[in-house]
Amino acid sequence: MAHAPSEPVVIRVEIAYARPDEQVILPVDVPEGTTLEQAICQSRIQERFPEIQLQTAKVGIFGKLGKLSATVRPGDRVEIYRPLLADPKEVRKKRAAEGKRTRKGGGDLEPDAT
């Protein structure tokens, strides 16, 4: 008796990308064993955001950097990160050099009332 080939298991993941003016999360159904790169390509997000260059873009899952060759799991949110316009360390150094005191959240503190 011939055994019918089993259907590949399909899982759902999300592909996320954000610009200052627009954020997108696309649900995508992919076969089990799909890589981050394959899932991103299958989402066709690069048609909507042609500035995404997978060869140089940083990617991750739920905020943790990952490799394009990593395998996605059901429910993963694959994130494509944009390059930072300003290095946060440099911004902090510049603020410190200007003598500004900051508080958590990035705003300036009021001068001490003494």
PDB file of N, CA and C in Angstrom:
ATOM      1  N   MET A   1       0.836  -1.161   0.000  1.00  0.00           N
ATOM      2  CA  MET A   1       0.000   0.000   0.000  1.00  0.00           C
ATOM      3  C   MET A   1       0.895   1.244   0.000  1.00  0.00           C
ATOM      4  N   ALA A   2       0.660   2.143  -0.942  1.00  0.00           N
ATOM      5  CA  ALA A   2       1.479   3.355  -1.072  1.00  0.00           C
ATOM      6  C   ALA A   2       1.076   4.379  -0.015  1.00  0.00           C
ATOM      7  N   HIS A   3       2.084   5.013   0.528  1.00  0.00           N
ATOM      8  CA  HIS A   3       1.854   6.038   1.549  1.00  0.00           C
ATOM      9  C   HIS A   3       1.849   7.409   0.867  1.00  0.00           C
ATOM     10  N   ALA A   4       0.785   8.175   1.052  1.00  0.00           N
ATOM     11  CA  ALA A   4       0.695   9.503   0.445  1.00  0.00           C
ATOM     12  C   ALA A   4       1.693  10.438   1.129  1.00  0.00           C
ATOM     13  N   PRO A   5       2.406  11.253   0.330  1.00  0.00           N
ATOM     14  CA  PRO A   5       3.348  12.190   0.953  1.00  0.00           C
ATOM     15  C   PRO A   5       2.576  13.171   1.840  1.00  0.00           C
ATOM     16  N   SER A   6       3.135  13.443   3.008  1.00  0.00           N
ATOM     17  CA  SER A   6       2.445  14.339   3.930  1.00  0.00           C
ATOM     18  C   SER A   6       2.629  15.781   3.483  1.00  0.00           C
ATOM     19  N   GLU A   7       1.620  16.573   3.762  1.00  0.00           N
ATOM     20  CA  GLU A   7       1.672  17.993   3.442  1.00  0.00           C
ATOM     21  C   GLU A   7       2.678  18.671   4.375  1.00  0.00           C
ATOM     22  N   PRO A   8       3.421  19.655   3.881  1.00  0.00           N
ATOM     23  CA  PRO A   8       4.337  20.361   4.782  1.00  0.00           C
ATOM     24  C   PRO A   8       3.529  21.111   5.841  1.00  0.00           C
ATOM     25  N   VAL A   9       4.090  21.190   7.034  1.00  0.00           N
ATOM     26  CA  VAL A   9       3.440  21.915   8.118  1.00  0.00           C
ATOM     27  C   VAL A   9       3.618  23.406   7.855  1.00  0.00           C
ATOM     28  N   VAL A  10       2.512  24.134   7.899  1.00  0.00           N
ATOM     29  CA  VAL A  10       2.545  25.578   7.654  1.00  0.00           C
ATOM     30  C   VAL A  10       2.416  26.291   8.986  1.00  0.00           C
ATOM     31  N   ILE A  11       3.274  27.290   9.182  1.00  0.00           N
ATOM     32  CA  ILE A  11       3.231  28.080  10.419  1.00  0.00           C
ATOM     33  C   ILE A  11       3.012  29.548  10.067  1.00  0.00           C
ATOM     34  N   ARG A  12       2.486  30.310  11.024  1.00  0.00           N
ATOM     35  CA  ARG A  12       2.271  31.740  10.801  1.00  0.00           C
ATOM     36  C   ARG A  12       3.308  32.532  11.590  1.00  0.00           C
ATOM     37  N   VAL A  13       3.932  33.487  10.883  1.00  0.00           N
ATOM     38  CA  VAL A  13       4.862  34.420  11.510  1.00  0.00           C
ATOM     39  C   VAL A  13       4.458  35.826  11.073  1.00  0.00           C
ATOM     40  N   GLU A  14       5.065  36.826  11.694  1.00  0.00           N
ATOM     41  CA  GLU A  14       4.812  38.206  11.302  1.00  0.00           C
ATOM     42  C   GLU A  14       6.130  38.843  10.885  1.00  0.00           C
ATOM     43  N   ILE A  15       6.039  39.701   9.889  1.00  0.00           N
ATOM     44  CA  ILE A  15       7.194  40.467   9.439  1.00  0.00           C
ATOM     45  C   ILE A  15       6.925  41.923   9.805  1.00  0.00           C
ATOM     46  N   ALA A  16       7.833  42.537  10.569  1.00  0.00           N
ATOM     47  CA  ALA A  16       7.623  43.899  11.053  1.00  0.00           C
ATOM     48  C   ALA A  16       8.720  44.822  10.544  1.00  0.00           C
ATOM     49  N   TYR A  17       8.290  46.026  10.149  1.00  0.00           N
ATOM     50  CA  TYR A  17       9.230  47.062   9.715  1.00  0.00           C
ATOM     51  C   TYR A  17       8.620  48.411  10.069  1.00  0.00           C
ATOM     52  N   ALA A  18       9.446  49.342  10.493  1.00  0.00           N
ATOM     53  CA  ALA A  18       8.934  50.657  10.874  1.00  0.00           C
ATOM     54  C   ALA A  18       9.832  51.757  10.350  1.00  0.00           C
ATOM     55  N   ARG A  19       9.186  52.766   9.818  1.00  0.00           N
ATOM     56  CA  ARG A  19       9.840  54.022   9.477  1.00  0.00           C
ATOM     57  C   ARG A  19       9.232  55.072  10.385  1.00  0.00           C
ATOM     58  N   PRO A  20       9.831  56.258  10.465  1.00  0.00           N
ATOM     59  CA  PRO A  20       9.231  57.284  11.328  1.00  0.00           C
ATOM     60  C   PRO A  20       7.782  57.595  10.958  1.00  0.00           C
ATOM     61  N   ASP A  21       7.445  57.454   9.678  1.00  0.00           N
ATOM     62  CA  ASP A  21       6.105  57.820   9.216  1.00  0.00           C
ATOM     63  C   ASP A  21       5.152  56.642   9.036  1.00  0.00           C
ATOM     64  N   GLU A  22       5.650  55.419   9.135  1.00  0.00           N
ATOM     65  CA  GLU A  22       4.792  54.266   8.848  1.00  0.00           C
ATOM     66  C   GLU A  22       5.352  52.997   9.493  1.00  0.00           C
ATOM     67  N   GLN A  23       4.462  52.227  10.112  1.00  0.00           N
ATOM     68  CA  GLN A  23       4.849  50.954  10.708  1.00  0.00           C
ATOM     69  C   GLN A  23       3.961  49.866  10.117  1.00  0.00           C
ATOM     70  N   VAL A  24       4.561  48.716   9.839  1.00  0.00           N
ATOM     71  CA  VAL A  24       3.809  47.636   9.219  1.00  0.00           C
ATOM     72  C   VAL A  24       4.153  46.313   9.887  1.00  0.00           C
ATOM     73  N   ILE A  25       3.126  45.504  10.134  1.00  0.00           N
ATOM     74  CA  ILE A  25       3.318  44.122  10.570  1.00  0.00           C
ATOM     75  C   ILE A  25       2.487  43.260   9.635  1.00  0.00           C
ATOM     76  N   LEU A  26       3.173  42.407   8.892  1.00  0.00           N
ATOM     77  CA  LEU A  26       2.503  41.562   7.909  1.00  0.00           C
ATOM     78  C   LEU A  26       2.477  40.115   8.373  1.00  0.00           C
ATOM     79  N   PRO A  27       1.289  39.508   8.503  1.00  0.00           N
ATOM     80  CA  PRO A  27       1.241  38.077   8.817  1.00  0.00           C
ATOM     81  C   PRO A  27       1.577  37.266   7.553  1.00  0.00           C
ATOM     82  N   VAL A  28       2.364  36.215   7.734  1.00  0.00           N
ATOM     83  CA  VAL A  28       2.780  35.385   6.605  1.00  0.00           C
ATOM     84  C   VAL A  28       2.717  33.924   7.028  1.00  0.00           C
ATOM     85  N   ASP A  29       2.138  33.088   6.166  1.00  0.00           N
ATOM     86  CA  ASP A  29       2.140  31.645   6.388  1.00  0.00           C
ATOM     87  C   ASP A  29       3.298  31.058   5.596  1.00  0.00           C
ATOM     88  N   VAL A  30       4.182  30.342   6.303  1.00  0.00           N
ATOM     89  CA  VAL A  30       5.372  29.776   5.670  1.00  0.00           C
ATOM     90  C   VAL A  30       5.508  28.310   6.066  1.00  0.00           C
ATOM     91  N   PRO A  31       6.192  27.516   5.241  1.00  0.00           N
ATOM     92  CA  PRO A  31       6.429  26.119   5.630  1.00  0.00           C
ATOM     93  C   PRO A  31       7.380  26.049   6.826  1.00  0.00           C
ATOM     94  N   GLU A  32       7.174  25.077   7.685  1.00  0.00           N
ATOM     95  CA  GLU A  32       8.086  24.848   8.803  1.00  0.00           C
ATOM     96  C   GLU A  32       9.498  24.693   8.248  1.00  0.00           C
ATOM     97  N   GLY A  33      10.492  25.273   8.934  1.00  0.00           N
ATOM     98  CA  GLY A  33      11.875  25.194   8.468  1.00  0.00           C
ATOM     99  C   GLY A  33      12.298  26.401   7.644  1.00  0.00           C
ATOM    100  N   THR A  34      11.402  27.367   7.460  1.00  0.00           N
ATOM    101  CA  THR A  34      11.706  28.578   6.694  1.00  0.00           C
ATOM    102  C   THR A  34      12.680  29.459   7.466  1.00  0.00           C
ATOM    103  N   THR A  35      13.609  30.094   6.746  1.00  0.00           N
ATOM    104  CA  THR A  35      14.566  31.006   7.386  1.00  0.00           C
ATOM    105  C   THR A  35      13.967  32.406   7.476  1.00  0.00           C
ATOM    106  N   LEU A  36      14.601  33.250   8.293  1.00  0.00           N
ATOM    107  CA  LEU A  36      14.162  34.646   8.387  1.00  0.00           C
ATOM    108  C   LEU A  36      14.168  35.289   7.005  1.00  0.00           C
ATOM    109  N   GLU A  37      15.235  35.064   6.257  1.00  0.00           N
ATOM    110  CA  GLU A  37      15.347  35.662   4.924  1.00  0.00           C
ATOM    111  C   GLU A  37      14.215  35.193   4.015  1.00  0.00           C
ATOM    112  N   GLN A  38      13.925  33.908   4.019  1.00  0.00           N
ATOM    113  CA  GLN A  38      12.860  33.382   3.172  1.00  0.00           C
ATOM    114  C   GLN A  38      11.501  33.956   3.572  1.00  0.00           C
ATOM    115  N   ALA A  39      11.259  34.067   4.882  1.00  0.00           N
ATOM    116  CA  ALA A  39       9.984  34.616   5.353  1.00  0.00           C
ATOM    117  C   ALA A  39       9.840  36.079   4.939  1.00  0.00           C
ATOM    118  N   ILE A  40      10.923  36.853   5.066  1.00  0.00           N
ATOM    119  CA  ILE A  40      10.895  38.259   4.660  1.00  0.00           C
ATOM    120  C   ILE A  40      10.593  38.371   3.167  1.00  0.00           C
ATOM    121  N   CYS A  41      11.276  37.562   2.376  1.00  0.00           N
ATOM    122  CA  CYS A  41      11.055  37.599   0.924  1.00  0.00           C
ATOM    123  C   CYS A  41       9.624  37.188   0.577  1.00  0.00           C
ATOM    124  N   GLN A  42       9.123  36.170   1.246  1.00  0.00           N
ATOM    125  CA  GLN A  42       7.768  35.694   0.969  1.00  0.00           C
ATOM    126  C   GLN A  42       6.723  36.756   1.333  1.00  0.00           C
ATOM    127  N   SER A  43       7.026  37.598   2.328  1.00  0.00           N
ATOM    128  CA  SER A  43       6.080  38.639   2.737  1.00  0.00           C
ATOM    129  C   SER A  43       5.954  39.734   1.673  1.00  0.00           C
ATOM    130  N   ARG A  44       6.945  39.849   0.803  1.00  0.00           N
ATOM    131  CA  ARG A  44       7.007  40.856  -0.252  1.00  0.00           C
ATOM    132  C   ARG A  44       7.051  42.281   0.313  1.00  0.00           C
ATOM    133  N   ILE A  45       7.552  42.402   1.535  1.00  0.00           N
ATOM    134  CA  ILE A  45       7.625  43.716   2.184  1.00  0.00           C
ATOM    135  C   ILE A  45       8.553  44.662   1.433  1.00  0.00           C
ATOM    136  N   GLN A  46       9.544  44.104   0.730  1.00  0.00           N
ATOM    137  CA  GLN A  46      10.491  44.952  -0.001  1.00  0.00           C
ATOM    138  C   GLN A  46       9.836  45.639  -1.201  1.00  0.00           C
ATOM    139  N   GLU A  47       8.709  45.119  -1.661  1.00  0.00           N
ATOM    140  CA  GLU A  47       7.986  45.814  -2.731  1.00  0.00           C
ATOM    141  C   GLU A  47       7.380  47.104  -2.179  1.00  0.00           C
ATOM    142  N   ARG A  48       6.961  47.079  -0.926  1.00  0.00           N
ATOM    143  CA  ARG A  48       6.358  48.244  -0.283  1.00  0.00           C
ATOM    144  C   ARG A  48       7.424  49.214   0.239  1.00  0.00           C
ATOM    145  N   PHE A  49       8.562  48.652   0.688  1.00  0.00           N
ATOM    146  CA  PHE A  49       9.653  49.466   1.238  1.00  0.00           C
ATOM    147  C   PHE A  49      10.945  49.111   0.500  1.00  0.00           C
ATOM    148  N   PRO A  50      11.143  49.671  -0.683  1.00  0.00           N
ATOM    149  CA  PRO A  50      12.325  49.289  -1.483  1.00  0.00           C
ATOM    150  C   PRO A  50      13.659  49.654  -0.841  1.00  0.00           C
ATOM    151  N   GLU A  51      13.626  50.497   0.206  1.00  0.00           N
ATOM    152  CA  GLU A  51      14.886  50.865   0.872  1.00  0.00           C
ATOM    153  C   GLU A  51      15.459  49.718   1.703  1.00  0.00           C
ATOM    154  N   ILE A  52      14.667  48.671   1.957  1.00  0.00           N
ATOM    155  CA  ILE A  52      15.162  47.537   2.744  1.00  0.00           C
ATOM    156  C   ILE A  52      16.189  46.773   1.906  1.00  0.00           C
ATOM    157  N   GLN A  53      17.401  46.717   2.410  1.00  0.00           N
ATOM    158  CA  GLN A  53      18.481  45.968   1.755  1.00  0.00           C
ATOM    159  C   GLN A  53      18.862  44.816   2.681  1.00  0.00           C
ATOM    160  N   LEU A  54      18.358  43.626   2.394  1.00  0.00           N
ATOM    161  CA  LEU A  54      18.586  42.497   3.295  1.00  0.00           C
ATOM    162  C   LEU A  54      20.059  42.153   3.462  1.00  0.00           C
ATOM    163  N   GLN A  55      20.875  42.460   2.451  1.00  0.00           N
ATOM    164  CA  GLN A  55      22.299  42.134   2.552  1.00  0.00           C
ATOM    165  C   GLN A  55      22.961  42.907   3.688  1.00  0.00           C
ATOM    166  N   THR A  56      22.447  44.096   3.997  1.00  0.00           N
ATOM    167  CA  THR A  56      23.074  44.930   5.017  1.00  0.00           C
ATOM    168  C   THR A  56      22.177  45.203   6.225  1.00  0.00           C
ATOM    169  N   ALA A  57      20.893  44.939   6.103  1.00  0.00           N
ATOM    170  CA  ALA A  57      19.955  45.233   7.198  1.00  0.00           C
ATOM    171  C   ALA A  57      20.165  44.284   8.369  1.00  0.00           C
ATOM    172  N   LYS A  58      19.950  44.807   9.565  1.00  0.00           N
ATOM    173  CA  LYS A  58      19.952  43.958  10.751  1.00  0.00           C
ATOM    174  C   LYS A  58      18.530  43.436  10.924  1.00  0.00           C
ATOM    175  N   VAL A  59      18.420  42.174  11.321  1.00  0.00           N
ATOM    176  CA  VAL A  59      17.114  41.551  11.527  1.00  0.00           C
ATOM    177  C   VAL A  59      17.117  40.855  12.876  1.00  0.00           C
ATOM    178  N   GLY A  60      15.936  40.563  13.366  1.00  0.00           N
ATOM    179  CA  GLY A  60      15.832  39.860  14.634  1.00  0.00           C
ATOM    180  C   GLY A  60      14.430  39.324  14.836  1.00  0.00           C
ATOM    181  N   ILE A  61      14.253  38.683  15.989  1.00  0.00           N
ATOM    182  CA  ILE A  61      12.956  38.151  16.379  1.00  0.00           C
ATOM    183  C   ILE A  61      12.643  38.703  17.756  1.00  0.00           C
ATOM    184  N   PHE A  62      11.516  39.398  17.864  1.00  0.00           N
ATOM    185  CA  PHE A  62      11.079  39.995  19.134  1.00  0.00           C
ATOM    186  C   PHE A  62      12.194  40.806  19.807  1.00  0.00           C
ATOM    187  N   GLY A  63      12.895  41.644  19.033  1.00  0.00           N
ATOM    188  CA  GLY A  63      13.881  42.543  19.609  1.00  0.00           C
ATOM    189  C   GLY A  63      15.255  41.956  19.853  1.00  0.00           C
ATOM    190  N   LYS A  64      15.454  40.681  19.535  1.00  0.00           N
ATOM    191  CA  LYS A  64      16.779  40.069  19.697  1.00  0.00           C
ATOM    192  C   LYS A  64      17.376  39.865  18.315  1.00  0.00           C
ATOM    193  N   LEU A  65      18.581  40.406  18.114  1.00  0.00           N
ATOM    194  CA  LEU A  65      19.227  40.266  16.814  1.00  0.00           C
ATOM    195  C   LEU A  65      19.352  38.802  16.426  1.00  0.00           C
ATOM    196  N   GLY A  66      19.164  38.549  15.143  1.00  0.00           N
ATOM    197  CA  GLY A  66      19.281  37.191  14.629  1.00  0.00           C
ATOM    198  C   GLY A  66      19.953  37.211  13.270  1.00  0.00           C
ATOM    199  N   LYS A  67      20.147  36.033  12.713  1.00  0.00           N
ATOM    200  CA  LYS A  67      20.764  35.900  11.394  1.00  0.00           C
ATOM    201  C   LYS A  67      19.689  35.568  10.374  1.00  0.00           C
ATOM    202  N   LEU A  68      19.914  36.015   9.143  1.00  0.00           N
ATOM    203  CA  LEU A  68      18.966  35.705   8.067  1.00  0.00           C
ATOM    204  C   LEU A  68      18.797  34.210   7.878  1.00  0.00           C
ATOM    205  N   SER A  69      19.815  33.448   8.253  1.00  0.00           N
ATOM    206  CA  SER A  69      19.772  31.993   8.062  1.00  0.00           C
ATOM    207  C   SER A  69      19.065  31.257   9.202  1.00  0.00           C
ATOM    208  N   ALA A  70      18.680  31.986  10.275  1.00  0.00           N
ATOM    209  CA  ALA A  70      17.989  31.345  11.406  1.00  0.00           C
ATOM    210  C   ALA A  70      16.591  30.901  10.966  1.00  0.00           C
ATOM    211  N   THR A  71      16.094  29.871  11.609  1.00  0.00           N
ATOM    212  CA  THR A  71      14.780  29.322  11.279  1.00  0.00           C
ATOM    213  C   THR A  71      13.706  29.978  12.146  1.00  0.00           C
ATOM    214  N   VAL A  72      12.583  30.327  11.502  1.00  0.00           N
ATOM    215  CA  VAL A  72      11.472  30.925  12.248  1.00  0.00           C
ATOM    216  C   VAL A  72      10.657  29.821  12.919  1.00  0.00           C
ATOM    217  N   ARG A  73       9.968  30.232  14.007  1.00  0.00           N
ATOM    218  CA  ARG A  73       9.081  29.320  14.729  1.00  0.00           C
ATOM    219  C   ARG A  73       7.678  29.915  14.706  1.00  0.00           C
ATOM    220  N   PRO A  74       6.670  29.095  14.954  1.00  0.00           N
ATOM    221  CA  PRO A  74       5.298  29.611  14.930  1.00  0.00           C
ATOM    222  C   PRO A  74       5.136  30.800  15.872  1.00  0.00           C
ATOM    223  N   GLY A  75       4.502  31.861  15.367  1.00  0.00           N
ATOM    224  CA  GLY A  75       4.237  33.035  16.189  1.00  0.00           C
ATOM    225  C   GLY A  75       5.372  34.036  16.265  1.00  0.00           C
ATOM    226  N   ASP A  76       6.519  33.746  15.658  1.00  0.00           N
ATOM    227  CA  ASP A  76       7.640  34.689  15.697  1.00  0.00           C
ATOM    228  C   ASP A  76       7.277  36.000  15.006  1.00  0.00           C
ATOM    229  N   ARG A  77       7.804  37.110  15.536  1.00  0.00           N
ATOM    230  CA  ARG A  77       7.709  38.401  14.851  1.00  0.00           C
ATOM    231  C   ARG A  77       9.115  38.725  14.356  1.00  0.00           C
ATOM    232  N   VAL A  78       9.297  38.602  13.057  1.00  0.00           N
ATOM    233  CA  VAL A  78      10.588  38.896  12.427  1.00  0.00           C
ATOM    234  C   VAL A  78      10.640  40.399  12.204  1.00  0.00           C
ATOM    235  N   GLU A  79      11.670  41.036  12.758  1.00  0.00           N
ATOM    236  CA  GLU A  79      11.790  42.488  12.674  1.00  0.00           C
ATOM    237  C   GLU A  79      12.970  42.867  11.789  1.00  0.00           C
ATOM    238  N   ILE A  80      12.729  43.850  10.949  1.00  0.00           N
ATOM    239  CA  ILE A  80      13.782  44.392  10.089  1.00  0.00           C
ATOM    240  C   ILE A  80      14.115  45.759  10.663  1.00  0.00           C
ATOM    241  N   TYR A  81      15.378  45.956  11.045  1.00  0.00           N
ATOM    242  CA  TYR A  81      15.777  47.184  11.717  1.00  0.00           C
ATOM    243  C   TYR A  81      16.402  48.163  10.738  1.00  0.00           C
ATOM    244  N   ARG A  82      16.044  49.441  10.898  1.00  0.00           N
ATOM    245  CA  ARG A  82      16.644  50.509  10.096  1.00  0.00           C
ATOM    246  C   ARG A  82      17.944  50.940  10.766  1.00  0.00           C
ATOM    247  N   PRO A  83      18.894  51.461   9.988  1.00  0.00           N
ATOM    248  CA  PRO A  83      20.100  52.006  10.614  1.00  0.00           C
ATOM    249  C   PRO A  83      19.718  53.219  11.463  1.00  0.00           C
ATOM    250  N   LEU A  84      20.393  53.396  12.580  1.00  0.00           N
ATOM    251  CA  LEU A  84      20.130  54.553  13.432  1.00  0.00           C
ATOM    252  C   LEU A  84      20.671  55.803  12.754  1.00  0.00           C
ATOM    253  N   LEU A  85      19.903  56.885  12.837  1.00  0.00           N
ATOM    254  CA  LEU A  85      20.367  58.150  12.269  1.00  0.00           C
ATOM    255  C   LEU A  85      21.402  58.793  13.171  1.00  0.00           C
ATOM    256  N   ALA A  86      21.271  58.599  14.478  1.00  0.00           N
ATOM    257  CA  ALA A  86      22.222  59.150  15.435  1.00  0.00           C
ATOM    258  C   ALA A  86      22.597  58.045  16.418  1.00  0.00           C
ATOM    259  N   ASP A  87      23.873  57.924  16.687  1.00  0.00           N
ATOM    260  CA  ASP A  87      24.348  56.927  17.637  1.00  0.00           C
ATOM    261  C   ASP A  87      23.966  57.390  19.043  1.00  0.00           C
ATOM    262  N   PRO A  88      23.174  56.591  19.787  1.00  0.00           N
ATOM    263  CA  PRO A  88      22.745  57.014  21.126  1.00  0.00           C
ATOM    264  C   PRO A  88      23.906  57.362  22.053  1.00  0.00           C
ATOM    265  N   LYS A  89      25.024  56.650  21.917  1.00  0.00           N
ATOM    266  CA  LYS A  89      26.180  56.949  22.769  1.00  0.00           C
ATOM    267  C   LYS A  89      26.726  58.336  22.458  1.00  0.00           C
ATOM    268  N   GLU A  90      26.781  58.674  21.176  1.00  0.00           N
ATOM    269  CA  GLU A  90      27.291  59.989  20.782  1.00  0.00           C
ATOM    270  C   GLU A  90      26.357  61.097  21.260  1.00  0.00           C
ATOM    271  N   VAL A  91      25.041  60.846  21.195  1.00  0.00           N
ATOM    272  CA  VAL A  91      24.068  61.842  21.662  1.00  0.00           C
ATOM    273  C   VAL A  91      24.266  62.092  23.148  1.00  0.00           C
ATOM    274  N   ARG A  92      24.461  61.025  23.930  1.00  0.00           N
ATOM    275  CA  ARG A  92      24.684  61.177  25.376  1.00  0.00           C
ATOM    276  C   ARG A  92      25.981  61.934  25.649  1.00  0.00           C
ATOM    277  N   LYS A  93      27.040  61.595  24.908  1.00  0.00           N
ATOM    278  CA  LYS A  93      28.320  62.290  25.091  1.00  0.00           C
ATOM    279  C   LYS A  93      28.170  63.782  24.794  1.00  0.00           C
ATOM    280  N   LYS A  94      27.446  64.094  23.713  1.00  0.00           N
ATOM    281  CA  LYS A  94      27.258  65.495  23.336  1.00  0.00           C
ATOM    282  C   LYS A  94      26.487  66.231  24.422  1.00  0.00           C
ATOM    283  N   ARG A  95      25.435  65.612  24.951  1.00  0.00           N
ATOM    284  CA  ARG A  95      24.661  66.236  26.020  1.00  0.00           C
ATOM    285  C   ARG A  95      25.548  66.485  27.244  1.00  0.00           C
ATOM    286  N   ALA A  96      26.360  65.490  27.581  1.00  0.00           N
ATOM    287  CA  ALA A  96      27.232  65.620  28.748  1.00  0.00           C
ATOM    288  C   ALA A  96      28.239  66.759  28.527  1.00  0.00           C
ATOM    289  N   ALA A  97      28.774  66.844  27.315  1.00  0.00           N
ATOM    290  CA  ALA A  97      29.742  67.895  27.011  1.00  0.00           C
ATOM    291  C   ALA A  97      29.100  69.275  27.093  1.00  0.00           C
ATOM    292  N   GLU A  98      27.802  69.351  26.805  1.00  0.00           N
ATOM    293  CA  GLU A  98      27.098  70.634  26.877  1.00  0.00           C
ATOM    294  C   GLU A  98      26.645  70.934  28.307  1.00  0.00           C
ATOM    295  N   GLY A  99      26.898  70.012  29.218  1.00  0.00           N
ATOM    296  CA  GLY A  99      26.563  70.234  30.616  1.00  0.00           C
ATOM    297  C   GLY A  99      25.092  70.051  30.936  1.00  0.00           C
ATOM    298  N   LYS A 100      24.362  69.369  30.084  1.00  0.00           N
ATOM    299  CA  LYS A 100      22.942  69.159  30.363  1.00  0.00           C
ATOM    300  C   LYS A 100      22.773  67.924  31.222  1.00  0.00           C
ATOM    301  N   ARG A 101      21.940  68.055  32.233  1.00  0.00           N
ATOM    302  CA  ARG A 101      21.589  66.906  33.060  1.00  0.00           C
ATOM    303  C   ARG A 101      20.335  66.304  32.473  1.00  0.00           C
ATOM    304  N   THR A 102      20.294  65.002  32.424  1.00  0.00           N
ATOM    305  CA  THR A 102      19.100  64.361  31.864  1.00  0.00           C
ATOM    306  C   THR A 102      18.505  63.411  32.882  1.00  0.00           C
ATOM    307  N   ARG A 103      17.262  63.101  32.647  1.00  0.00           N
ATOM    308  CA  ARG A 103      16.587  62.097  33.467  1.00  0.00           C
ATOM    309  C   ARG A 103      16.157  60.982  32.538  1.00  0.00           C
ATOM    310  N   LYS A 104      15.772  59.881  33.112  1.00  0.00           N
ATOM    311  CA  LYS A 104      15.301  58.762  32.302  1.00  0.00           C
ATOM    312  C   LYS A 104      14.140  59.250  31.454  1.00  0.00           C
ATOM    313  N   GLY A 105      14.152  58.940  30.182  1.00  0.00           N
ATOM    314  CA  GLY A 105      13.116  59.424  29.291  1.00  0.00           C
ATOM    315  C   GLY A 105      13.661  60.488  28.354  1.00  0.00           C
ATOM    316  N   GLY A 106      14.875  60.968  28.624  1.00  0.00           N
ATOM    317  CA  GLY A 106      15.559  61.848  27.692  1.00  0.00           C
ATOM    318  C   GLY A 106      15.277  63.330  27.835  1.00  0.00           C
ATOM    319  N   GLY A 107      14.395  63.741  28.747  1.00  0.00           N
ATOM    320  CA  GLY A 107      14.112  65.170  28.910  1.00  0.00           C
ATOM    321  C   GLY A 107      15.122  65.823  29.842  1.00  0.00           C
ATOM    322  N   ASP A 108      15.208  67.122  29.791  1.00  0.00           N
ATOM    323  CA  ASP A 108      16.089  67.847  30.694  1.00  0.00           C
ATOM    324  C   ASP A 108      15.448  67.948  32.070  1.00  0.00           C
ATOM    325  N   LEU A 109      16.265  67.877  33.091  1.00  0.00           N
ATOM    326  CA  LEU A 109      15.778  68.064  34.445  1.00  0.00           C
ATOM    327  C   LEU A 109      15.652  69.557  34.740  1.00  0.00           C
ATOM    328  N   GLU A 110      14.721  69.874  35.592  1.00  0.00           N
ATOM    329  CA  GLU A 110      14.604  71.254  36.062  1.00  0.00           C
ATOM    330  C   GLU A 110      15.798  71.539  36.959  1.00  0.00           C
ATOM    331  N   PRO A 111      16.282  72.764  36.995  1.00  0.00           N
ATOM    332  CA  PRO A 111      17.401  73.074  37.903  1.00  0.00           C
ATOM    333  C   PRO A 111      16.973  72.823  39.352  1.00  0.00           C
ATOM    334  N   ASP A 112      17.945  72.420  40.155  1.00  0.00           N
ATOM    335  CA  ASP A 112      17.654  72.166  41.576  1.00  0.00           C
ATOM    336  C   ASP A 112      17.194  73.430  42.265  1.00  0.00           C
ATOM    337  N   ALA A 113      16.113  73.313  43.038  1.00  0.00           N
ATOM    338  CA  ALA A 113      15.639  74.464  43.807  1.00  0.00           C
ATOM    339  C   ALA A 113      16.320  74.419  45.164  1.00  0.00           C
ATOM    340  N   THR A 114      17.255  75.315  45.418  1.00  0.00           N
ATOM    341  CA  THR A 114      17.958  75.327  46.706  1.00  0.00           C
ATOM    342  C   THR A 114      17.715  76.596  47.448  1.00  0.00           C
TER     343      THR A 114
END
